[in-house]
Amino acid sequence: MQQIISSTAAVSDFGVLVANRRRTLGLSQRDPADRVCSVSGRATITRHELSRYERGVRLPGGTMMAVLAEVLDVPVEVLADAVTVAQEHRRRDSRTATRTS
């Protein structure tokens, strides 16, 4: 687990972290989506939803973050930190866009 923490801790973006971890595990987008459905008991998580996470279109809430952490074998704290960074980037980008309008 320590190797996972050190290799993902430098990643500052949630989507990049998820995509890199998935690829490191040798998984397609469908594989973790299917595992998330199995672990969460929700049959509505698709490959497309995982793609939205990886592209930064969506960010998971606490429950989904915990499930993703389990599926990707990453500490939930690492994912939570990456979500926080992504939220900060969104706020910064929003302020920049407002100033340039």
N, C-alpha and C. Protein backbone atom coordinates (compact mmCIF):
# COMPACT_ATOMS: atom_id res chain seq x y z
N MET A 1 0.82 -1.19 0.00
CA MET A 1 0.00 0.00 0.00
C MET A 1 0.86 1.25 0.00
N GLN A 2 2.01 1.24 0.67
CA GLN A 2 2.87 2.42 0.73
C GLN A 2 3.28 2.87 -0.66
N GLN A 3 3.56 1.92 -1.56
CA GLN A 3 3.93 2.27 -2.92
C GLN A 3 2.79 3.00 -3.62
N ILE A 4 1.57 2.58 -3.40
CA ILE A 4 0.40 3.24 -3.99
C ILE A 4 0.33 4.68 -3.51
N ILE A 5 0.53 4.87 -2.22
CA ILE A 5 0.44 6.22 -1.66
C ILE A 5 1.51 7.11 -2.25
N SER A 6 2.73 6.64 -2.30
CA SER A 6 3.80 7.49 -2.80
C SER A 6 3.68 7.72 -4.30
N SER A 7 3.17 6.76 -5.05
CA SER A 7 3.08 6.94 -6.50
C SER A 7 1.89 7.80 -6.89
N THR A 8 0.84 7.86 -6.05
CA THR A 8 -0.33 8.65 -6.41
C THR A 8 -0.38 9.98 -5.67
N ALA A 9 0.38 10.12 -4.61
CA ALA A 9 0.30 11.34 -3.83
C ALA A 9 0.73 12.56 -4.62
N ALA A 10 1.63 12.38 -5.59
CA ALA A 10 2.10 13.51 -6.39
C ALA A 10 1.06 13.94 -7.42
N VAL A 11 0.10 13.11 -7.69
CA VAL A 11 -0.93 13.46 -8.66
C VAL A 11 -1.89 14.44 -8.02
N SER A 12 -2.07 15.59 -8.67
CA SER A 12 -2.87 16.62 -8.04
C SER A 12 -4.31 16.65 -8.56
N ASP A 13 -4.61 15.90 -9.56
CA ASP A 13 -5.94 15.95 -10.15
C ASP A 13 -6.64 14.61 -9.97
N PHE A 14 -7.87 14.66 -9.50
CA PHE A 14 -8.62 13.43 -9.22
C PHE A 14 -8.74 12.55 -10.46
N GLY A 15 -9.14 13.14 -11.58
CA GLY A 15 -9.34 12.36 -12.80
C GLY A 15 -8.07 11.68 -13.27
N VAL A 16 -6.97 12.40 -13.22
CA VAL A 16 -5.68 11.83 -13.62
C VAL A 16 -5.30 10.69 -12.69
N LEU A 17 -5.52 10.89 -11.39
CA LEU A 17 -5.20 9.85 -10.42
C LEU A 17 -6.00 8.58 -10.72
N VAL A 18 -7.30 8.72 -10.93
CA VAL A 18 -8.16 7.55 -11.19
C VAL A 18 -7.73 6.86 -12.48
N ALA A 19 -7.50 7.63 -13.54
CA ALA A 19 -7.11 7.04 -14.83
C ALA A 19 -5.76 6.33 -14.71
N ASN A 20 -4.81 6.97 -14.06
CA ASN A 20 -3.49 6.35 -13.92
C ASN A 20 -3.54 5.08 -13.08
N ARG A 21 -4.31 5.12 -12.01
CA ARG A 21 -4.41 3.93 -11.15
C ARG A 21 -5.09 2.79 -11.89
N ARG A 22 -6.14 3.12 -12.64
CA ARG A 22 -6.85 2.10 -13.42
C ARG A 22 -5.91 1.45 -14.43
N ARG A 23 -5.15 2.28 -15.12
CA ARG A 23 -4.20 1.75 -16.12
C ARG A 23 -3.10 0.92 -15.46
N THR A 24 -2.62 1.39 -14.30
CA THR A 24 -1.59 0.63 -13.57
C THR A 24 -2.09 -0.76 -13.22
N LEU A 25 -3.37 -0.86 -12.90
CA LEU A 25 -3.96 -2.16 -12.56
C LEU A 25 -4.30 -2.97 -13.80
N GLY A 26 -4.11 -2.38 -14.98
CA GLY A 26 -4.39 -3.09 -16.23
C GLY A 26 -5.88 -3.25 -16.51
N LEU A 27 -6.67 -2.28 -16.07
CA LEU A 27 -8.13 -2.37 -16.20
C LEU A 27 -8.64 -1.46 -17.31
N SER A 28 -9.69 -1.91 -17.98
CA SER A 28 -10.42 -1.03 -18.88
C SER A 28 -11.34 -0.17 -18.03
N GLN A 29 -11.99 0.82 -18.61
CA GLN A 29 -12.95 1.61 -17.83
C GLN A 29 -14.13 0.76 -17.37
N ARG A 30 -14.49 -0.21 -18.16
CA ARG A 30 -15.62 -1.07 -17.80
C ARG A 30 -15.32 -1.91 -16.56
N ASP A 31 -14.08 -2.37 -16.41
CA ASP A 31 -13.73 -3.23 -15.28
C ASP A 31 -14.00 -2.57 -13.93
N PRO A 32 -13.44 -1.39 -13.65
CA PRO A 32 -13.74 -0.79 -12.34
C PRO A 32 -15.21 -0.36 -12.23
N ALA A 33 -15.83 0.01 -13.34
CA ALA A 33 -17.26 0.37 -13.28
C ALA A 33 -18.07 -0.83 -12.82
N ASP A 34 -17.77 -2.00 -13.38
CA ASP A 34 -18.47 -3.22 -12.95
C ASP A 34 -18.20 -3.53 -11.48
N ARG A 35 -16.95 -3.33 -11.05
CA ARG A 35 -16.60 -3.59 -9.65
C ARG A 35 -17.29 -2.61 -8.71
N VAL A 36 -17.39 -1.34 -9.14
CA VAL A 36 -18.09 -0.34 -8.34
C VAL A 36 -19.55 -0.75 -8.17
N CYS A 37 -20.17 -1.22 -9.25
CA CYS A 37 -21.57 -1.68 -9.16
C CYS A 37 -21.69 -2.81 -8.17
N SER A 38 -20.76 -3.75 -8.23
CA SER A 38 -20.80 -4.90 -7.34
C SER A 38 -20.61 -4.50 -5.88
N VAL A 39 -19.63 -3.64 -5.62
CA VAL A 39 -19.34 -3.23 -4.24
C VAL A 39 -20.44 -2.34 -3.68
N SER A 40 -20.94 -1.42 -4.51
CA SER A 40 -21.92 -0.44 -4.02
C SER A 40 -23.35 -0.95 -4.03
N GLY A 41 -23.59 -2.00 -4.81
CA GLY A 41 -24.95 -2.51 -4.96
C GLY A 41 -25.80 -1.66 -5.89
N ARG A 42 -25.16 -0.73 -6.59
CA ARG A 42 -25.85 0.13 -7.56
C ARG A 42 -25.47 -0.32 -8.96
N ALA A 43 -26.45 -0.67 -9.74
CA ALA A 43 -26.19 -1.17 -11.09
C ALA A 43 -26.09 -0.03 -12.10
N THR A 44 -26.06 1.20 -11.64
CA THR A 44 -26.12 2.34 -12.55
C THR A 44 -24.76 2.96 -12.87
N ILE A 45 -23.68 2.44 -12.31
CA ILE A 45 -22.36 2.98 -12.60
C ILE A 45 -21.85 2.32 -13.87
N THR A 46 -21.64 3.12 -14.90
CA THR A 46 -21.22 2.60 -16.19
C THR A 46 -19.81 3.05 -16.52
N ARG A 47 -19.29 2.54 -17.60
CA ARG A 47 -18.01 2.96 -18.13
C ARG A 47 -18.04 4.46 -18.40
N HIS A 48 -19.17 4.95 -18.85
CA HIS A 48 -19.31 6.38 -19.16
C HIS A 48 -19.19 7.24 -17.90
N GLU A 49 -19.75 6.74 -16.79
CA GLU A 49 -19.64 7.47 -15.53
C GLU A 49 -18.18 7.52 -15.08
N LEU A 50 -17.47 6.41 -15.20
CA LEU A 50 -16.06 6.40 -14.84
C LEU A 50 -15.28 7.36 -15.73
N SER A 51 -15.64 7.41 -17.00
CA SER A 51 -15.00 8.36 -17.92
C SER A 51 -15.22 9.80 -17.46
N ARG A 52 -16.40 10.10 -16.98
CA ARG A 52 -16.70 11.46 -16.47
C ARG A 52 -15.80 11.80 -15.28
N TYR A 53 -15.57 10.83 -14.41
CA TYR A 53 -14.66 11.05 -13.29
C TYR A 53 -13.24 11.30 -13.81
N GLU A 54 -12.79 10.48 -14.74
CA GLU A 54 -11.43 10.60 -15.26
C GLU A 54 -11.21 11.92 -16.00
N ARG A 55 -12.24 12.42 -16.66
CA ARG A 55 -12.12 13.69 -17.40
C ARG A 55 -12.37 14.90 -16.51
N GLY A 56 -12.74 14.66 -15.26
CA GLY A 56 -12.98 15.76 -14.34
C GLY A 56 -14.33 16.43 -14.52
N VAL A 57 -15.21 15.81 -15.28
CA VAL A 57 -16.56 16.35 -15.47
C VAL A 57 -17.37 16.21 -14.19
N ARG A 58 -17.15 15.12 -13.48
CA ARG A 58 -17.85 14.86 -12.22
C ARG A 58 -16.83 14.52 -11.15
N LEU A 59 -17.21 14.79 -9.92
CA LEU A 59 -16.40 14.39 -8.77
C LEU A 59 -17.30 13.57 -7.85
N PRO A 60 -16.77 12.53 -7.24
CA PRO A 60 -17.59 11.68 -6.39
C PRO A 60 -17.84 12.30 -5.02
N GLY A 61 -18.95 11.90 -4.43
CA GLY A 61 -19.23 12.24 -3.05
C GLY A 61 -18.55 11.23 -2.14
N GLY A 62 -18.79 11.36 -0.86
CA GLY A 62 -18.12 10.52 0.13
C GLY A 62 -18.33 9.03 -0.04
N THR A 63 -19.58 8.61 -0.24
CA THR A 63 -19.86 7.18 -0.38
C THR A 63 -19.20 6.61 -1.62
N MET A 64 -19.36 7.30 -2.75
CA MET A 64 -18.77 6.81 -4.00
C MET A 64 -17.25 6.86 -3.93
N MET A 65 -16.71 7.86 -3.25
CA MET A 65 -15.26 7.95 -3.10
C MET A 65 -14.73 6.74 -2.34
N ALA A 66 -15.43 6.33 -1.31
CA ALA A 66 -15.02 5.17 -0.53
C ALA A 66 -15.05 3.90 -1.38
N VAL A 67 -16.08 3.78 -2.21
CA VAL A 67 -16.19 2.61 -3.09
C VAL A 67 -15.07 2.63 -4.12
N LEU A 68 -14.81 3.78 -4.73
CA LEU A 68 -13.72 3.88 -5.70
C LEU A 68 -12.37 3.57 -5.06
N ALA A 69 -12.18 4.03 -3.84
CA ALA A 69 -10.93 3.75 -3.13
C ALA A 69 -10.75 2.24 -2.96
N GLU A 70 -11.82 1.57 -2.60
CA GLU A 70 -11.75 0.11 -2.43
C GLU A 70 -11.46 -0.57 -3.77
N VAL A 71 -12.17 -0.18 -4.80
CA VAL A 71 -12.03 -0.82 -6.11
C VAL A 71 -10.63 -0.59 -6.69
N LEU A 72 -10.10 0.63 -6.51
CA LEU A 72 -8.79 0.97 -7.09
C LEU A 72 -7.64 0.69 -6.13
N ASP A 73 -7.97 0.20 -4.92
CA ASP A 73 -6.97 -0.11 -3.89
C ASP A 73 -6.08 1.11 -3.62
N VAL A 74 -6.75 2.22 -3.35
CA VAL A 74 -6.09 3.48 -3.01
C VAL A 74 -6.70 3.96 -1.70
N PRO A 75 -5.89 4.49 -0.80
CA PRO A 75 -6.47 5.02 0.44
C PRO A 75 -7.48 6.12 0.14
N VAL A 76 -8.60 6.10 0.82
CA VAL A 76 -9.65 7.08 0.59
C VAL A 76 -9.13 8.50 0.83
N GLU A 77 -8.16 8.65 1.72
CA GLU A 77 -7.59 9.97 1.98
C GLU A 77 -6.89 10.54 0.76
N VAL A 78 -6.25 9.67 -0.01
CA VAL A 78 -5.58 10.11 -1.23
C VAL A 78 -6.61 10.62 -2.24
N LEU A 79 -7.70 9.87 -2.39
CA LEU A 79 -8.77 10.31 -3.30
C LEU A 79 -9.41 11.60 -2.80
N ALA A 80 -9.64 11.69 -1.51
CA ALA A 80 -10.25 12.90 -0.94
C ALA A 80 -9.37 14.12 -1.18
N ASP A 81 -8.06 13.96 -1.01
CA ASP A 81 -7.14 15.07 -1.27
C ASP A 81 -7.20 15.49 -2.74
N ALA A 82 -7.27 14.51 -3.63
CA ALA A 82 -7.32 14.80 -5.06
C ALA A 82 -8.64 15.50 -5.43
N VAL A 83 -9.73 15.11 -4.80
CA VAL A 83 -11.02 15.78 -5.04
C VAL A 83 -10.93 17.23 -4.56
N THR A 84 -10.33 17.45 -3.41
CA THR A 84 -10.18 18.81 -2.88
C THR A 84 -9.38 19.67 -3.85
N VAL A 85 -8.30 19.13 -4.39
CA VAL A 85 -7.49 19.87 -5.36
C VAL A 85 -8.30 20.17 -6.61
N ALA A 86 -9.06 19.19 -7.09
CA ALA A 86 -9.89 19.41 -8.28
C ALA A 86 -10.93 20.49 -8.03
N GLN A 87 -11.52 20.51 -6.84
CA GLN A 87 -12.50 21.54 -6.50
C GLN A 87 -11.85 22.92 -6.47
N GLU A 88 -10.63 22.99 -5.93
CA GLU A 88 -9.91 24.26 -5.90
C GLU A 88 -9.60 24.74 -7.31
N HIS A 89 -9.22 23.82 -8.18
CA HIS A 89 -8.96 24.18 -9.58
C HIS A 89 -10.22 24.72 -10.24
N ARG A 90 -11.34 24.08 -9.96
CA ARG A 90 -12.62 24.55 -10.54
C ARG A 90 -12.95 25.96 -10.07
N ARG A 91 -12.76 26.21 -8.77
CA ARG A 91 -13.05 27.55 -8.24
C ARG A 91 -12.12 28.59 -8.86
N ARG A 92 -10.85 28.25 -8.96
CA ARG A 92 -9.87 29.17 -9.55
C ARG A 92 -10.21 29.44 -11.01
N ASP A 93 -10.54 28.39 -11.75
CA ASP A 93 -10.89 28.55 -13.17
C ASP A 93 -12.15 29.37 -13.32
N SER A 94 -13.10 29.20 -12.41
CA SER A 94 -14.35 29.94 -12.45
C SER A 94 -14.08 31.43 -12.21
N ARG A 95 -13.22 31.74 -11.24
CA ARG A 95 -12.89 33.13 -10.96
C ARG A 95 -12.15 33.76 -12.14
N THR A 96 -11.26 33.01 -12.76
CA THR A 96 -10.52 33.51 -13.91
C THR A 96 -11.45 33.79 -15.07
N ALA A 97 -12.39 32.90 -15.32
CA ALA A 97 -13.34 33.08 -16.41
C ALA A 97 -14.23 34.29 -16.15
N THR A 98 -14.60 34.51 -14.90
CA THR A 98 -15.45 35.65 -14.55
C THR A 98 -14.70 36.96 -14.78
N ARG A 99 -13.43 37.01 -14.45
CA ARG A 99 -12.64 38.23 -14.63
C ARG A 99 -12.40 38.56 -16.09
N THR A 100 -12.30 37.54 -16.94
CA THR A 100 -12.00 37.78 -18.35
C THR A 100 -13.25 38.04 -19.17
N SER A 101 -14.42 37.90 -18.57
CA SER A 101 -15.67 38.12 -19.29
C SER A 101 -16.00 39.58 -19.41
